[in-house]
């Protein structure tokens, strides 16, 4: 991502609202836009194995460290930048590169989850750049991973990058908890921001690191 785009998207102080009620509601609205048309029926890349809340939270924390922070956040940011510049070929390259870092099982789940965005009933499916990328997937040029498609859709909606990445983090958390019989209010964007400070922290940490990296370029 170039420094100008990065600066334009969140300036010197990325705004992640976790304490102020009005701010949290604003972020929730962005998150709800980002996940339009999503099927929550099964996990995407975060796949917890424990039904008990305490060990499941540890699994979430480990996933954030091993997959989100080390791989997916940067991929999301790069895809977002390429999408804002309408570089479909670059999206294809990034999607193929991500596939090389996923296990076969992860890759299958990711591609299946992406289909909810590509084939859902939301009007987002009719966005031109999204249709072009879907044609590349259908043509076998790239697998079509959920992280890629999510970032592409967020960029096409002109959602702020920080909030978009937080929305993706919420999406993984929400899908990962879908099979445990939790009531809907326990799975809302607002609840996520309250009960998963480590998710919000992972997003903050990524952008802090990214700003430092860009200053050295």
N, C-alpha and C. Protein backbone atom coordinates (compact mmCIF):
# COMPACT_ATOMS: atom_id res chain seq x y z
N UNK A 1 0.84 -1.19 0.00
CA UNK A 1 0.00 0.00 0.00
C UNK A 1 0.87 1.23 0.00
N UNK A 2 0.52 2.24 -0.78
CA UNK A 2 1.33 3.43 -0.77
C UNK A 2 0.98 4.29 0.44
N UNK A 3 1.95 5.12 0.85
CA UNK A 3 1.78 5.91 2.06
C UNK A 3 0.65 6.90 1.95
N UNK A 4 0.40 7.47 0.75
CA UNK A 4 -0.66 8.45 0.59
C UNK A 4 -2.02 7.83 0.88
N UNK A 5 -2.28 6.65 0.32
CA UNK A 5 -3.56 5.99 0.56
C UNK A 5 -3.70 5.66 2.03
N UNK A 6 -2.64 5.15 2.63
CA UNK A 6 -2.68 4.80 4.05
C UNK A 6 -3.01 6.02 4.89
N UNK A 7 -2.34 7.13 4.60
CA UNK A 7 -2.57 8.36 5.35
C UNK A 7 -4.00 8.86 5.15
N UNK A 8 -4.49 8.79 3.93
CA UNK A 8 -5.84 9.27 3.65
C UNK A 8 -6.89 8.48 4.40
N UNK A 9 -6.63 7.20 4.62
CA UNK A 9 -7.65 6.36 5.20
C UNK A 9 -7.79 6.52 6.70
N UNK A 10 -6.68 6.73 7.43
CA UNK A 10 -6.87 6.86 8.87
C UNK A 10 -5.96 7.88 9.54
N UNK A 11 -5.22 8.65 8.76
CA UNK A 11 -4.45 9.76 9.33
C UNK A 11 -3.47 9.31 10.38
N UNK A 12 -3.19 10.18 11.34
CA UNK A 12 -2.19 9.89 12.35
C UNK A 12 -2.73 9.07 13.51
N UNK A 13 -4.05 9.07 13.71
CA UNK A 13 -4.62 8.38 14.86
C UNK A 13 -5.79 7.52 14.42
N UNK A 14 -5.57 6.25 14.13
CA UNK A 14 -6.67 5.37 13.73
C UNK A 14 -7.78 5.38 14.77
N UNK A 15 -9.01 5.50 14.31
CA UNK A 15 -10.13 5.64 15.24
C UNK A 15 -10.80 4.28 15.43
N UNK A 16 -10.48 3.61 16.52
CA UNK A 16 -11.16 2.39 16.90
C UNK A 16 -11.89 2.66 18.21
N UNK A 17 -13.20 2.59 18.15
CA UNK A 17 -13.99 2.97 19.32
C UNK A 17 -14.27 1.74 20.18
N UNK A 18 -13.79 1.77 21.42
CA UNK A 18 -14.05 0.66 22.31
C UNK A 18 -14.57 1.14 23.66
N UNK A 19 -14.64 2.43 23.89
CA UNK A 19 -15.10 2.94 25.17
C UNK A 19 -16.28 3.88 25.03
N UNK A 20 -16.21 4.79 24.09
CA UNK A 20 -17.24 5.78 23.91
C UNK A 20 -18.46 5.16 23.24
N UNK A 21 -19.64 5.32 23.84
CA UNK A 21 -20.84 4.65 23.34
C UNK A 21 -21.21 5.11 21.93
N UNK A 22 -21.18 6.43 21.69
CA UNK A 22 -21.53 6.94 20.37
C UNK A 22 -20.55 6.42 19.32
N UNK A 23 -19.27 6.41 19.67
CA UNK A 23 -18.25 5.92 18.75
C UNK A 23 -18.43 4.45 18.43
N UNK A 24 -18.77 3.65 19.44
CA UNK A 24 -19.00 2.23 19.22
C UNK A 24 -20.18 2.01 18.28
N UNK A 25 -21.22 2.80 18.43
CA UNK A 25 -22.38 2.67 17.54
C UNK A 25 -22.01 3.02 16.10
N UNK A 26 -21.17 4.04 15.93
CA UNK A 26 -20.72 4.41 14.59
C UNK A 26 -19.94 3.27 13.95
N UNK A 27 -19.03 2.69 14.72
CA UNK A 27 -18.24 1.58 14.21
C UNK A 27 -19.13 0.40 13.89
N UNK A 28 -20.13 0.14 14.72
CA UNK A 28 -21.06 -0.95 14.47
C UNK A 28 -21.79 -0.78 13.16
N UNK A 29 -22.15 0.46 12.83
CA UNK A 29 -22.84 0.72 11.55
C UNK A 29 -21.94 0.37 10.38
N UNK A 30 -20.67 0.73 10.48
CA UNK A 30 -19.72 0.39 9.42
C UNK A 30 -19.58 -1.13 9.32
N UNK A 31 -19.50 -1.79 10.46
CA UNK A 31 -19.35 -3.24 10.47
C UNK A 31 -20.55 -3.93 9.85
N UNK A 32 -21.72 -3.42 10.11
CA UNK A 32 -22.93 -4.01 9.53
C UNK A 32 -22.96 -3.85 8.02
N UNK A 33 -22.47 -2.71 7.51
CA UNK A 33 -22.37 -2.54 6.06
C UNK A 33 -21.38 -3.52 5.47
N UNK A 34 -20.25 -3.72 6.15
CA UNK A 34 -19.19 -4.57 5.64
C UNK A 34 -19.62 -6.02 5.50
N UNK A 35 -20.56 -6.47 6.33
CA UNK A 35 -20.95 -7.88 6.32
C UNK A 35 -22.31 -8.09 5.66
N UNK A 36 -22.74 -7.14 4.85
CA UNK A 36 -24.01 -7.31 4.14
C UNK A 36 -23.99 -8.56 3.27
N UNK A 37 -25.05 -9.34 3.35
CA UNK A 37 -25.17 -10.52 2.51
C UNK A 37 -24.42 -11.73 3.00
N UNK A 38 -23.91 -11.68 4.24
CA UNK A 38 -23.07 -12.77 4.75
C UNK A 38 -23.93 -13.89 5.34
N UNK A 39 -23.50 -15.12 5.09
CA UNK A 39 -24.10 -16.30 5.70
C UNK A 39 -23.23 -16.68 6.90
N UNK A 40 -23.83 -16.68 8.10
CA UNK A 40 -23.07 -16.95 9.32
C UNK A 40 -23.06 -18.44 9.68
N UNK A 41 -23.50 -19.29 8.81
CA UNK A 41 -23.80 -20.67 9.19
C UNK A 41 -22.58 -21.48 9.62
N UNK A 42 -21.40 -21.16 9.13
CA UNK A 42 -20.23 -21.97 9.45
C UNK A 42 -18.98 -21.11 9.53
N UNK A 43 -17.94 -21.63 10.21
CA UNK A 43 -16.70 -20.85 10.35
C UNK A 43 -16.02 -20.59 9.01
N UNK A 44 -15.25 -19.51 8.96
CA UNK A 44 -14.43 -19.21 7.79
C UNK A 44 -13.01 -19.73 8.08
N UNK A 45 -12.09 -18.85 8.45
CA UNK A 45 -10.73 -19.30 8.75
C UNK A 45 -10.50 -19.55 10.24
N UNK A 46 -11.24 -18.89 11.09
CA UNK A 46 -11.16 -19.20 12.52
C UNK A 46 -12.12 -20.34 12.83
N UNK A 47 -11.55 -21.48 13.22
CA UNK A 47 -12.34 -22.69 13.46
C UNK A 47 -12.05 -23.21 14.87
N UNK A 48 -12.80 -22.77 15.87
CA UNK A 48 -12.55 -23.23 17.24
C UNK A 48 -13.00 -24.67 17.44
N UNK A 49 -12.33 -25.35 18.33
CA UNK A 49 -12.65 -26.75 18.61
C UNK A 49 -13.33 -26.94 19.96
N UNK A 50 -13.22 -25.94 20.85
CA UNK A 50 -13.75 -26.07 22.21
C UNK A 50 -15.13 -25.45 22.33
N UNK A 51 -16.03 -26.16 22.98
CA UNK A 51 -17.37 -25.62 23.22
C UNK A 51 -17.41 -24.76 24.48
N UNK A 52 -16.45 -24.93 25.38
CA UNK A 52 -16.40 -24.13 26.59
C UNK A 52 -15.83 -22.75 26.29
N UNK A 53 -16.42 -21.69 26.84
CA UNK A 53 -16.01 -20.32 26.49
C UNK A 53 -14.55 -20.01 26.79
N UNK A 54 -14.03 -20.44 27.94
CA UNK A 54 -12.66 -20.06 28.32
C UNK A 54 -11.62 -20.62 27.35
N UNK A 55 -11.61 -21.93 27.08
CA UNK A 55 -10.63 -22.43 26.10
C UNK A 55 -10.89 -21.94 24.69
N UNK A 56 -12.16 -21.66 24.37
CA UNK A 56 -12.45 -21.12 23.03
C UNK A 56 -11.87 -19.73 22.88
N UNK A 57 -11.88 -18.96 23.95
CA UNK A 57 -11.27 -17.63 23.88
C UNK A 57 -9.77 -17.74 23.69
N UNK A 58 -9.16 -18.72 24.31
CA UNK A 58 -7.72 -18.92 24.12
C UNK A 58 -7.42 -19.30 22.67
N UNK A 59 -8.29 -20.10 22.09
CA UNK A 59 -8.12 -20.44 20.67
C UNK A 59 -8.21 -19.18 19.80
N UNK A 60 -9.15 -18.31 20.13
CA UNK A 60 -9.30 -17.05 19.40
C UNK A 60 -8.05 -16.20 19.53
N UNK A 61 -7.52 -16.09 20.72
CA UNK A 61 -6.32 -15.30 20.95
C UNK A 61 -5.14 -15.87 20.16
N UNK A 62 -5.04 -17.20 20.14
CA UNK A 62 -3.95 -17.84 19.41
C UNK A 62 -4.10 -17.63 17.90
N UNK A 63 -5.34 -17.71 17.42
CA UNK A 63 -5.59 -17.49 15.99
C UNK A 63 -5.23 -16.06 15.60
N UNK A 64 -5.57 -15.11 16.46
CA UNK A 64 -5.23 -13.72 16.18
C UNK A 64 -3.72 -13.54 16.06
N UNK A 65 -2.98 -14.20 16.91
CA UNK A 65 -1.51 -14.10 16.88
C UNK A 65 -0.93 -14.80 15.66
N UNK A 66 -1.39 -16.03 15.40
CA UNK A 66 -0.75 -16.87 14.38
C UNK A 66 -1.21 -16.59 12.96
N UNK A 67 -2.49 -16.25 12.79
CA UNK A 67 -3.01 -16.10 11.44
C UNK A 67 -3.40 -14.66 11.11
N UNK A 68 -4.16 -14.03 11.98
CA UNK A 68 -4.60 -12.67 11.68
C UNK A 68 -3.43 -11.69 11.65
N UNK A 69 -2.67 -11.64 12.71
CA UNK A 69 -1.60 -10.63 12.81
C UNK A 69 -0.44 -10.91 11.88
N UNK A 70 -0.09 -12.16 11.70
CA UNK A 70 1.09 -12.51 10.90
C UNK A 70 0.81 -12.66 9.41
N UNK A 71 -0.44 -12.82 9.04
CA UNK A 71 -0.74 -13.10 7.63
C UNK A 71 -1.92 -12.28 7.09
N UNK A 72 -3.07 -12.42 7.73
CA UNK A 72 -4.31 -11.94 7.13
C UNK A 72 -4.46 -10.42 7.14
N UNK A 73 -3.98 -9.77 8.20
CA UNK A 73 -4.13 -8.32 8.28
C UNK A 73 -3.37 -7.63 7.14
N UNK A 74 -2.13 -8.03 6.90
CA UNK A 74 -1.37 -7.44 5.80
C UNK A 74 -2.01 -7.75 4.45
N UNK A 75 -2.45 -8.98 4.28
CA UNK A 75 -3.12 -9.34 3.04
C UNK A 75 -4.35 -8.47 2.82
N UNK A 76 -5.16 -8.31 3.86
CA UNK A 76 -6.35 -7.48 3.78
C UNK A 76 -5.99 -6.05 3.36
N UNK A 77 -4.98 -5.49 4.00
CA UNK A 77 -4.56 -4.12 3.70
C UNK A 77 -4.09 -3.98 2.27
N UNK A 78 -3.32 -4.95 1.78
CA UNK A 78 -2.83 -4.91 0.41
C UNK A 78 -3.97 -5.03 -0.61
N UNK A 79 -4.91 -5.91 -0.32
CA UNK A 79 -6.07 -6.07 -1.21
C UNK A 79 -6.91 -4.80 -1.23
N UNK A 80 -7.11 -4.21 -0.07
CA UNK A 80 -7.87 -2.97 0.02
C UNK A 80 -7.23 -1.88 -0.86
N UNK A 81 -5.92 -1.75 -0.75
CA UNK A 81 -5.22 -0.73 -1.54
C UNK A 81 -5.36 -1.00 -3.04
N UNK A 82 -5.18 -2.25 -3.44
CA UNK A 82 -5.31 -2.60 -4.86
C UNK A 82 -6.74 -2.38 -5.35
N UNK A 83 -7.70 -2.64 -4.49
CA UNK A 83 -9.11 -2.46 -4.87
C UNK A 83 -9.44 -0.99 -5.04
N UNK A 84 -8.91 -0.14 -4.18
CA UNK A 84 -9.15 1.30 -4.30
C UNK A 84 -8.57 1.84 -5.60
N UNK A 85 -7.52 1.18 -6.11
CA UNK A 85 -6.89 1.60 -7.35
C UNK A 85 -7.41 0.81 -8.55
N UNK A 86 -8.41 -0.04 -8.32
CA UNK A 86 -9.05 -0.83 -9.38
C UNK A 86 -8.05 -1.74 -10.10
N UNK A 87 -7.14 -2.33 -9.35
CA UNK A 87 -6.11 -3.19 -9.95
C UNK A 87 -6.52 -4.66 -9.79
N UNK A 88 -7.36 -5.14 -10.68
CA UNK A 88 -7.90 -6.49 -10.58
C UNK A 88 -6.80 -7.54 -10.74
N UNK A 89 -5.83 -7.28 -11.62
CA UNK A 89 -4.74 -8.24 -11.79
C UNK A 89 -3.95 -8.40 -10.50
N UNK A 90 -3.75 -7.29 -9.81
CA UNK A 90 -3.04 -7.34 -8.52
C UNK A 90 -3.84 -8.14 -7.49
N UNK A 91 -5.16 -8.01 -7.50
CA UNK A 91 -5.99 -8.81 -6.59
C UNK A 91 -5.80 -10.30 -6.84
N UNK A 92 -5.72 -10.65 -8.11
CA UNK A 92 -5.50 -12.05 -8.47
C UNK A 92 -4.16 -12.54 -7.94
N UNK A 93 -3.13 -11.74 -8.08
CA UNK A 93 -1.81 -12.11 -7.57
C UNK A 93 -1.82 -12.27 -6.05
N UNK A 94 -2.46 -11.34 -5.37
CA UNK A 94 -2.51 -11.40 -3.91
C UNK A 94 -3.30 -12.61 -3.43
N UNK A 95 -4.39 -12.90 -4.11
CA UNK A 95 -5.21 -14.04 -3.72
C UNK A 95 -4.44 -15.35 -3.88
N UNK A 96 -3.70 -15.48 -4.97
CA UNK A 96 -2.88 -16.67 -5.18
C UNK A 96 -1.76 -16.75 -4.14
N UNK A 97 -1.18 -15.62 -3.79
CA UNK A 97 -0.12 -15.61 -2.78
C UNK A 97 -0.66 -16.06 -1.42
N UNK A 98 -1.86 -15.59 -1.06
CA UNK A 98 -2.46 -16.03 0.20
C UNK A 98 -2.69 -17.53 0.21
N UNK A 99 -3.13 -18.05 -0.90
CA UNK A 99 -3.39 -19.49 -0.98
C UNK A 99 -2.15 -20.31 -0.64
N UNK A 100 -0.99 -19.79 -0.99
CA UNK A 100 0.25 -20.49 -0.71
C UNK A 100 0.60 -20.56 0.76
N UNK A 101 -0.07 -19.73 1.59
CA UNK A 101 0.20 -19.71 3.02
C UNK A 101 -0.86 -20.46 3.84
N UNK A 102 -1.89 -20.94 3.17
CA UNK A 102 -2.97 -21.63 3.86
C UNK A 102 -2.83 -23.14 3.72
N UNK A 103 -3.29 -23.86 4.71
CA UNK A 103 -3.37 -25.31 4.58
C UNK A 103 -4.49 -25.64 3.59
N UNK A 104 -4.51 -26.89 3.11
CA UNK A 104 -5.55 -27.29 2.18
C UNK A 104 -6.94 -27.14 2.81
N UNK A 105 -7.05 -27.48 4.07
CA UNK A 105 -8.33 -27.37 4.78
C UNK A 105 -8.75 -25.92 4.93
N UNK A 106 -7.80 -25.07 5.29
CA UNK A 106 -8.10 -23.64 5.41
C UNK A 106 -8.53 -23.07 4.05
N UNK A 107 -7.83 -23.45 3.01
CA UNK A 107 -8.12 -22.94 1.68
C UNK A 107 -9.54 -23.31 1.26
N UNK A 108 -9.94 -24.53 1.53
CA UNK A 108 -11.28 -24.97 1.16
C UNK A 108 -12.35 -24.19 1.92
N UNK A 109 -12.14 -24.00 3.22
CA UNK A 109 -13.11 -23.26 4.03
C UNK A 109 -13.19 -21.81 3.57
N UNK A 110 -12.02 -21.23 3.30
CA UNK A 110 -11.98 -19.82 2.88
C UNK A 110 -12.72 -19.61 1.56
N UNK A 111 -12.50 -20.49 0.62
CA UNK A 111 -13.17 -20.36 -0.68
C UNK A 111 -14.68 -20.56 -0.54
N UNK A 112 -15.08 -21.50 0.31
CA UNK A 112 -16.50 -21.72 0.53
C UNK A 112 -17.15 -20.50 1.17
N UNK A 113 -16.47 -19.90 2.15
CA UNK A 113 -17.01 -18.72 2.82
C UNK A 113 -17.11 -17.54 1.85
N UNK A 114 -16.14 -17.43 0.94
CA UNK A 114 -16.15 -16.32 -0.02
C UNK A 114 -17.37 -16.36 -0.92
N UNK A 115 -17.88 -17.55 -1.16
CA UNK A 115 -19.05 -17.68 -2.03
C UNK A 115 -20.27 -16.95 -1.49
N UNK A 116 -20.35 -16.83 -0.16
CA UNK A 116 -21.47 -16.10 0.44
C UNK A 116 -21.46 -14.64 0.02
N UNK A 117 -20.27 -14.08 -0.18
CA UNK A 117 -20.14 -12.70 -0.62
C UNK A 117 -20.36 -12.58 -2.13
N UNK A 118 -19.92 -13.58 -2.85
CA UNK A 118 -19.98 -13.52 -4.30
C UNK A 118 -21.36 -13.89 -4.85
N UNK A 119 -22.09 -14.71 -4.12
CA UNK A 119 -23.36 -15.21 -4.63
C UNK A 119 -24.55 -14.79 -3.77
N UNK A 120 -24.32 -14.01 -2.72
CA UNK A 120 -25.40 -13.60 -1.83
C UNK A 120 -26.38 -12.67 -2.49
N UNK A 121 -27.44 -12.34 -1.73
CA UNK A 121 -28.50 -11.51 -2.26
C UNK A 121 -28.23 -10.01 -2.13
N UNK A 122 -27.15 -9.65 -1.43
CA UNK A 122 -26.84 -8.23 -1.26
C UNK A 122 -26.55 -7.56 -2.59
N UNK A 123 -26.89 -6.26 -2.66
CA UNK A 123 -26.59 -5.51 -3.88
C UNK A 123 -25.10 -5.43 -4.16
N UNK A 124 -24.27 -5.77 -3.18
CA UNK A 124 -22.82 -5.73 -3.39
C UNK A 124 -22.38 -6.67 -4.49
N UNK A 125 -23.15 -7.71 -4.71
CA UNK A 125 -22.76 -8.67 -5.75
C UNK A 125 -22.76 -8.04 -7.13
N UNK A 126 -23.44 -6.90 -7.29
CA UNK A 126 -23.56 -6.27 -8.60
C UNK A 126 -22.49 -5.20 -8.84
N UNK A 127 -21.60 -4.98 -7.88
CA UNK A 127 -20.53 -4.01 -8.08
C UNK A 127 -19.61 -4.50 -9.20
N UNK A 128 -19.28 -3.58 -10.09
CA UNK A 128 -18.55 -3.97 -11.31
C UNK A 128 -17.23 -4.65 -11.02
N UNK A 129 -16.40 -4.04 -10.16
CA UNK A 129 -15.09 -4.62 -9.88
C UNK A 129 -15.22 -5.98 -9.20
N UNK A 130 -16.24 -6.14 -8.41
CA UNK A 130 -16.46 -7.43 -7.76
C UNK A 130 -16.85 -8.48 -8.78
N UNK A 131 -17.68 -8.10 -9.75
CA UNK A 131 -18.05 -9.05 -10.80
C UNK A 131 -16.84 -9.45 -11.63
N UNK A 132 -15.97 -8.48 -11.90
CA UNK A 132 -14.76 -8.79 -12.69
C UNK A 132 -13.86 -9.78 -11.93
N UNK A 133 -13.73 -9.57 -10.63
CA UNK A 133 -12.90 -10.48 -9.84
C UNK A 133 -13.56 -11.86 -9.78
N UNK A 134 -14.87 -11.89 -9.66
CA UNK A 134 -15.58 -13.18 -9.63
C UNK A 134 -15.36 -13.95 -10.93
N UNK A 135 -15.30 -13.24 -12.05
CA UNK A 135 -15.05 -13.90 -13.33
C UNK A 135 -13.65 -14.51 -13.37
N UNK A 136 -12.69 -13.85 -12.74
CA UNK A 136 -11.34 -14.41 -12.67
C UNK A 136 -11.32 -15.67 -11.81
N UNK A 137 -12.09 -15.65 -10.74
CA UNK A 137 -12.18 -16.85 -9.90
C UNK A 137 -12.81 -17.99 -10.70
N UNK A 138 -13.92 -17.70 -11.35
CA UNK A 138 -14.62 -18.72 -12.13
C UNK A 138 -13.75 -19.24 -13.28
N UNK A 139 -12.86 -18.38 -13.77
CA UNK A 139 -11.96 -18.80 -14.85
C UNK A 139 -10.74 -19.54 -14.37
N UNK A 140 -10.62 -19.76 -13.08
CA UNK A 140 -9.50 -20.52 -12.53
C UNK A 140 -8.22 -19.73 -12.38
N UNK A 141 -8.28 -18.40 -12.47
CA UNK A 141 -7.07 -17.60 -12.35
C UNK A 141 -6.62 -17.44 -10.90
N UNK A 142 -7.53 -17.60 -9.97
CA UNK A 142 -7.21 -17.53 -8.55
C UNK A 142 -8.30 -18.27 -7.78
N UNK A 143 -8.02 -18.66 -6.52
CA UNK A 143 -9.00 -19.44 -5.76
C UNK A 143 -10.22 -18.64 -5.33
N UNK A 144 -9.99 -17.38 -4.92
CA UNK A 144 -11.09 -16.58 -4.40
C UNK A 144 -11.28 -16.79 -2.92
N UNK A 145 -10.42 -16.19 -2.11
CA UNK A 145 -10.47 -16.38 -0.67
C UNK A 145 -11.34 -15.32 0.00
N UNK A 146 -11.89 -15.69 1.14
CA UNK A 146 -12.83 -14.81 1.82
C UNK A 146 -12.18 -13.51 2.27
N UNK A 147 -10.93 -13.56 2.71
CA UNK A 147 -10.25 -12.33 3.14
C UNK A 147 -10.10 -11.37 1.97
N UNK A 148 -9.79 -11.90 0.81
CA UNK A 148 -9.65 -11.08 -0.39
C UNK A 148 -10.97 -10.44 -0.78
N UNK A 149 -12.02 -11.24 -0.83
CA UNK A 149 -13.33 -10.75 -1.26
C UNK A 149 -13.89 -9.75 -0.25
N UNK A 150 -13.67 -10.00 1.03
CA UNK A 150 -14.15 -9.09 2.07
C UNK A 150 -13.47 -7.72 1.92
N UNK A 151 -12.15 -7.72 1.76
CA UNK A 151 -11.42 -6.46 1.61
C UNK A 151 -11.82 -5.73 0.34
N UNK A 152 -12.03 -6.47 -0.74
CA UNK A 152 -12.48 -5.87 -2.00
C UNK A 152 -13.83 -5.20 -1.81
N UNK A 153 -14.76 -5.89 -1.18
CA UNK A 153 -16.10 -5.32 -0.98
C UNK A 153 -16.04 -4.08 -0.09
N UNK A 154 -15.23 -4.14 0.96
CA UNK A 154 -15.11 -2.98 1.86
C UNK A 154 -14.56 -1.77 1.12
N UNK A 155 -13.58 -1.99 0.26
CA UNK A 155 -13.01 -0.87 -0.51
C UNK A 155 -14.03 -0.30 -1.49
N UNK A 156 -14.79 -1.17 -2.13
CA UNK A 156 -15.78 -0.71 -3.10
C UNK A 156 -16.91 0.07 -2.42
N UNK A 157 -17.16 -0.23 -1.16
CA UNK A 157 -18.13 0.54 -0.38
C UNK A 157 -17.50 1.81 0.21
N UNK A 158 -16.19 2.00 -0.01
CA UNK A 158 -15.46 3.15 0.52
C UNK A 158 -15.51 3.21 2.05
N UNK A 159 -15.45 2.04 2.67
CA UNK A 159 -15.40 1.99 4.13
C UNK A 159 -13.99 2.33 4.60
N UNK A 160 -13.84 3.02 5.71
CA UNK A 160 -12.50 3.32 6.23
C UNK A 160 -11.71 2.03 6.46
N UNK A 161 -10.45 2.05 6.12
CA UNK A 161 -9.65 0.83 6.18
C UNK A 161 -9.59 0.24 7.58
N UNK A 162 -9.40 1.07 8.59
CA UNK A 162 -9.31 0.55 9.95
C UNK A 162 -10.61 -0.15 10.35
N UNK A 163 -11.73 0.50 10.10
CA UNK A 163 -13.03 -0.10 10.44
C UNK A 163 -13.30 -1.34 9.60
N UNK A 164 -12.84 -1.33 8.35
CA UNK A 164 -13.03 -2.49 7.49
C UNK A 164 -12.27 -3.70 8.02
N UNK A 165 -11.03 -3.48 8.46
CA UNK A 165 -10.26 -4.60 9.00
C UNK A 165 -10.86 -5.08 10.31
N UNK A 166 -11.34 -4.16 11.13
CA UNK A 166 -12.02 -4.55 12.36
C UNK A 166 -13.27 -5.36 12.03
N UNK A 167 -13.96 -4.97 10.97
CA UNK A 167 -15.15 -5.71 10.55
C UNK A 167 -14.79 -7.12 10.12
N UNK A 168 -13.68 -7.27 9.42
CA UNK A 168 -13.25 -8.61 9.03
C UNK A 168 -12.91 -9.45 10.25
N UNK A 169 -12.26 -8.84 11.22
CA UNK A 169 -11.94 -9.53 12.46
C UNK A 169 -13.23 -9.99 13.15
N UNK A 170 -14.22 -9.11 13.19
CA UNK A 170 -15.52 -9.47 13.76
C UNK A 170 -16.16 -10.60 12.97
N UNK A 171 -16.08 -10.52 11.67
CA UNK A 171 -16.66 -11.57 10.81
C UNK A 171 -16.10 -12.94 11.17
N UNK A 172 -14.79 -13.04 11.31
CA UNK A 172 -14.17 -14.32 11.65
C UNK A 172 -14.62 -14.79 13.04
N UNK A 173 -14.65 -13.87 13.98
CA UNK A 173 -15.10 -14.19 15.34
C UNK A 173 -16.56 -14.66 15.33
N UNK A 174 -17.39 -13.92 14.61
CA UNK A 174 -18.82 -14.24 14.56
C UNK A 174 -19.07 -15.60 13.90
N UNK A 175 -18.44 -15.86 12.79
CA UNK A 175 -18.61 -17.14 12.11
C UNK A 175 -18.07 -18.29 12.96
N UNK A 176 -16.96 -18.05 13.64
CA UNK A 176 -16.38 -19.09 14.47
C UNK A 176 -17.26 -19.48 15.65
N UNK A 177 -18.13 -18.57 16.07
CA UNK A 177 -19.02 -18.85 17.20
C UNK A 177 -20.42 -19.26 16.76
N UNK A 178 -20.61 -19.42 15.46
CA UNK A 178 -21.96 -19.65 14.94
C UNK A 178 -22.57 -20.97 15.39
N UNK A 179 -21.75 -21.97 15.63
CA UNK A 179 -22.29 -23.29 15.92
C UNK A 179 -22.44 -23.63 17.39
N UNK A 180 -22.40 -22.62 18.27
CA UNK A 180 -22.43 -22.91 19.70
C UNK A 180 -23.73 -22.50 20.37
N UNK A 181 -24.75 -22.20 19.59
CA UNK A 181 -26.06 -21.93 20.14
C UNK A 181 -26.18 -20.65 20.94
N UNK A 182 -25.34 -19.67 20.67
CA UNK A 182 -25.40 -18.41 21.40
C UNK A 182 -26.54 -17.54 20.87
N UNK A 183 -27.22 -16.79 21.75
CA UNK A 183 -28.29 -15.89 21.27
C UNK A 183 -27.71 -14.78 20.40
N UNK A 184 -28.53 -14.25 19.54
CA UNK A 184 -28.08 -13.26 18.56
C UNK A 184 -27.43 -12.05 19.22
N UNK A 185 -27.97 -11.62 20.35
CA UNK A 185 -27.42 -10.43 21.00
C UNK A 185 -26.00 -10.66 21.52
N UNK A 186 -25.63 -11.91 21.71
CA UNK A 186 -24.27 -12.23 22.16
C UNK A 186 -23.28 -12.25 21.01
N UNK A 187 -23.77 -12.08 19.79
CA UNK A 187 -22.91 -12.16 18.60
C UNK A 187 -22.94 -10.87 17.78
N UNK A 188 -23.42 -9.80 18.35
CA UNK A 188 -23.54 -8.53 17.63
C UNK A 188 -22.19 -7.83 17.54
N UNK A 189 -22.04 -6.88 16.60
CA UNK A 189 -20.81 -6.08 16.54
C UNK A 189 -20.50 -5.36 17.84
N UNK A 190 -21.53 -4.85 18.50
CA UNK A 190 -21.32 -4.15 19.77
C UNK A 190 -20.77 -5.10 20.83
N UNK A 191 -21.34 -6.29 20.90
CA UNK A 191 -20.88 -7.28 21.87
C UNK A 191 -19.44 -7.69 21.58
N UNK A 192 -19.13 -7.85 20.31
CA UNK A 192 -17.76 -8.21 19.92
C UNK A 192 -16.76 -7.20 20.43
N UNK A 193 -17.04 -5.91 20.27
CA UNK A 193 -16.10 -4.89 20.71
C UNK A 193 -15.91 -4.89 22.22
N UNK A 194 -16.97 -5.32 22.93
CA UNK A 194 -16.88 -5.35 24.39
C UNK A 194 -16.17 -6.58 24.92
N UNK A 195 -16.43 -7.74 24.30
CA UNK A 195 -15.90 -9.00 24.87
C UNK A 195 -14.62 -9.47 24.21
N UNK A 196 -14.22 -8.84 23.11
CA UNK A 196 -12.99 -9.25 22.44
C UNK A 196 -12.02 -8.08 22.30
N UNK A 197 -11.51 -7.57 23.43
CA UNK A 197 -10.53 -6.48 23.33
C UNK A 197 -9.26 -6.92 22.60
N UNK A 198 -8.99 -8.25 22.61
CA UNK A 198 -7.81 -8.73 21.91
C UNK A 198 -7.97 -8.60 20.40
N UNK A 199 -9.21 -8.70 19.90
CA UNK A 199 -9.45 -8.51 18.47
C UNK A 199 -9.22 -7.06 18.07
N UNK A 200 -9.79 -6.15 18.85
CA UNK A 200 -9.57 -4.72 18.60
C UNK A 200 -8.09 -4.39 18.74
N UNK A 201 -7.45 -4.98 19.75
CA UNK A 201 -6.03 -4.74 19.97
C UNK A 201 -5.16 -5.21 18.82
N UNK A 202 -5.54 -6.34 18.22
CA UNK A 202 -4.77 -6.87 17.08
C UNK A 202 -4.85 -5.92 15.89
N UNK A 203 -6.01 -5.33 15.67
CA UNK A 203 -6.16 -4.37 14.58
C UNK A 203 -5.34 -3.12 14.86
N UNK A 204 -5.42 -2.61 16.07
CA UNK A 204 -4.63 -1.44 16.44
C UNK A 204 -3.14 -1.70 16.28
N UNK A 205 -2.70 -2.86 16.74
CA UNK A 205 -1.27 -3.19 16.68
C UNK A 205 -0.79 -3.27 15.24
N UNK A 206 -1.62 -3.82 14.35
CA UNK A 206 -1.21 -3.91 12.95
C UNK A 206 -1.00 -2.53 12.36
N UNK A 207 -1.93 -1.61 12.59
CA UNK A 207 -1.81 -0.29 11.99
C UNK A 207 -0.70 0.53 12.63
N UNK A 208 -0.43 0.31 13.89
CA UNK A 208 0.71 0.98 14.52
C UNK A 208 2.00 0.52 13.87
N UNK A 209 2.11 -0.77 13.63
CA UNK A 209 3.29 -1.33 12.98
C UNK A 209 3.39 -0.85 11.54
N UNK A 210 2.25 -0.76 10.85
CA UNK A 210 2.24 -0.34 9.46
C UNK A 210 2.65 1.12 9.31
N UNK A 211 2.21 1.96 10.21
CA UNK A 211 2.61 3.36 10.15
C UNK A 211 4.12 3.50 10.33
N UNK A 212 4.66 2.71 11.25
CA UNK A 212 6.09 2.75 11.48
C UNK A 212 6.85 2.28 10.24
N UNK A 213 6.35 1.23 9.61
CA UNK A 213 6.99 0.70 8.40
C UNK A 213 6.98 1.73 7.29
N UNK A 214 5.85 2.41 7.10
CA UNK A 214 5.72 3.37 6.01
C UNK A 214 6.65 4.57 6.21
N UNK A 215 6.89 4.94 7.44
CA UNK A 215 7.77 6.09 7.70
C UNK A 215 9.21 5.79 7.30
N UNK A 216 9.55 4.50 7.22
CA UNK A 216 10.93 4.12 6.87
C UNK A 216 11.12 3.96 5.38
N UNK A 217 10.02 3.99 4.60
CA UNK A 217 10.12 3.77 3.15
C UNK A 217 10.65 5.02 2.44
